[in-house]
């Protein structure tokens, strides 16, 4: 049976205000679903999302560096 690939998730952008609030809260954000996940390091990359299961959680500071702020 052929291996079926899941479509790539649409990677989100976040407002700078949301990212700054996440830095104060020590949260990361999921690029796949937007879930805010507590207890993430500022430079987190590719953590598993507790909400959608994708490995798309990044620390808020990392998202700013990556240019994901609008």
C-alpha atoms as a PDB file:
ATOM      1  CA  UNK A   1       0.000   0.000   0.000  1.00  0.00           C
ATOM      2  CA  UNK A   2       1.514   3.388  -0.962  1.00  0.00           C
ATOM      3  CA  UNK A   3       2.529   5.784   1.789  1.00  0.00           C
ATOM      4  CA  UNK A   4       0.015   8.640   1.880  1.00  0.00           C
ATOM      5  CA  UNK A   5       1.497  11.999   2.829  1.00  0.00           C
ATOM      6  CA  UNK A   6      -0.455  14.486   4.880  1.00  0.00           C
ATOM      7  CA  UNK A   7      -0.729  17.918   3.302  1.00  0.00           C
ATOM      8  CA  UNK A   8       1.685  20.425   4.794  1.00  0.00           C
ATOM      9  CA  UNK A   9      -0.016  22.651   7.363  1.00  0.00           C
ATOM     10  CA  UNK A  10      -0.479  26.307   6.531  1.00  0.00           C
ATOM     11  CA  UNK A  11       2.129  28.069   8.621  1.00  0.00           C
ATOM     12  CA  UNK A  12       0.687  30.939  10.583  1.00  0.00           C
ATOM     13  CA  UNK A  13       1.905  34.382  11.426  1.00  0.00           C
ATOM     14  CA  UNK A  14       1.112  36.049  14.733  1.00  0.00           C
ATOM     15  CA  UNK A  15       0.713  39.653  15.812  1.00  0.00           C
ATOM     16  CA  UNK A  16       3.720  41.108  17.554  1.00  0.00           C
ATOM     17  CA  UNK A  17       1.492  41.777  20.567  1.00  0.00           C
ATOM     18  CA  UNK A  18       0.584  38.075  20.808  1.00  0.00           C
ATOM     19  CA  UNK A  19       4.233  37.056  20.517  1.00  0.00           C
ATOM     20  CA  UNK A  20       5.316  39.537  23.190  1.00  0.00           C
ATOM     21  CA  UNK A  21       2.550  38.293  25.505  1.00  0.00           C
ATOM     22  CA  UNK A  22       3.782  34.735  24.913  1.00  0.00           C
ATOM     23  CA  UNK A  23       7.318  35.768  25.904  1.00  0.00           C
ATOM     24  CA  UNK A  24       5.986  37.080  29.225  1.00  0.00           C
ATOM     25  CA  UNK A  25       4.004  33.858  29.708  1.00  0.00           C
ATOM     26  CA  UNK A  26       6.911  31.558  28.695  1.00  0.00           C
ATOM     27  CA  UNK A  27       4.733  30.062  25.969  1.00  0.00           C
ATOM     28  CA  UNK A  28       5.381  28.771  22.508  1.00  0.00           C
ATOM     29  CA  UNK A  29       2.948  28.887  19.615  1.00  0.00           C
ATOM     30  CA  UNK A  30       2.040  26.219  17.091  1.00  0.00           C
ATOM     31  CA  UNK A  31       2.496  27.227  13.477  1.00  0.00           C
ATOM     32  CA  UNK A  32       0.006  24.565  12.382  1.00  0.00           C
ATOM     33  CA  UNK A  33      -2.996  25.347  14.620  1.00  0.00           C
ATOM     34  CA  UNK A  34      -2.108  28.504  16.596  1.00  0.00           C
ATOM     35  CA  UNK A  35      -2.298  26.821  20.011  1.00  0.00           C
ATOM     36  CA  UNK A  36      -0.366  28.573  22.801  1.00  0.00           C
ATOM     37  CA  UNK A  37       1.636  25.966  24.696  1.00  0.00           C
ATOM     38  CA  UNK A  38       3.024  26.837  28.119  1.00  0.00           C
ATOM     39  CA  UNK A  39       6.474  25.913  29.358  1.00  0.00           C
ATOM     40  CA  UNK A  40       8.372  26.389  26.092  1.00  0.00           C
ATOM     41  CA  UNK A  41      11.905  27.682  25.978  1.00  0.00           C
ATOM     42  CA  UNK A  42      12.386  30.946  24.054  1.00  0.00           C
ATOM     43  CA  UNK A  43      14.415  29.150  21.358  1.00  0.00           C
ATOM     44  CA  UNK A  44      12.158  26.087  21.092  1.00  0.00           C
ATOM     45  CA  UNK A  45      11.892  24.623  17.565  1.00  0.00           C
ATOM     46  CA  UNK A  46       9.629  21.849  16.364  1.00  0.00           C
ATOM     47  CA  UNK A  47       8.114  20.828  19.707  1.00  0.00           C
ATOM     48  CA  UNK A  48       5.105  18.518  19.642  1.00  0.00           C
ATOM     49  CA  UNK A  49       1.801  20.432  19.893  1.00  0.00           C
ATOM     50  CA  UNK A  50      -0.482  19.201  22.668  1.00  0.00           C
ATOM     51  CA  UNK A  51      -3.511  20.327  20.655  1.00  0.00           C
ATOM     52  CA  UNK A  52      -3.008  19.122  17.057  1.00  0.00           C
ATOM     53  CA  UNK A  53      -0.075  16.706  17.396  1.00  0.00           C
ATOM     54  CA  UNK A  54       2.110  18.437  14.799  1.00  0.00           C
ATOM     55  CA  UNK A  55       5.765  19.156  15.581  1.00  0.00           C
ATOM     56  CA  UNK A  56       5.266  22.855  14.876  1.00  0.00           C
ATOM     57  CA  UNK A  57       5.561  24.573  18.293  1.00  0.00           C
ATOM     58  CA  UNK A  58       8.197  27.285  18.433  1.00  0.00           C
ATOM     59  CA  UNK A  59       9.222  29.615  21.233  1.00  0.00           C
ATOM     60  CA  UNK A  60       7.869  33.150  20.932  1.00  0.00           C
ATOM     61  CA  UNK A  61      11.324  34.716  20.585  1.00  0.00           C
ATOM     62  CA  UNK A  62      12.239  32.143  17.937  1.00  0.00           C
ATOM     63  CA  UNK A  63       9.105  33.041  15.974  1.00  0.00           C
ATOM     64  CA  UNK A  64      10.088  36.711  16.043  1.00  0.00           C
ATOM     65  CA  UNK A  65      13.572  35.850  14.721  1.00  0.00           C
ATOM     66  CA  UNK A  66      11.984  33.634  12.049  1.00  0.00           C
ATOM     67  CA  UNK A  67       9.911  36.597  10.790  1.00  0.00           C
ATOM     68  CA  UNK A  68       6.545  35.113  11.801  1.00  0.00           C
ATOM     69  CA  UNK A  69       5.325  38.412  13.314  1.00  0.00           C
ATOM     70  CA  UNK A  70       2.830  40.621  11.512  1.00  0.00           C
END
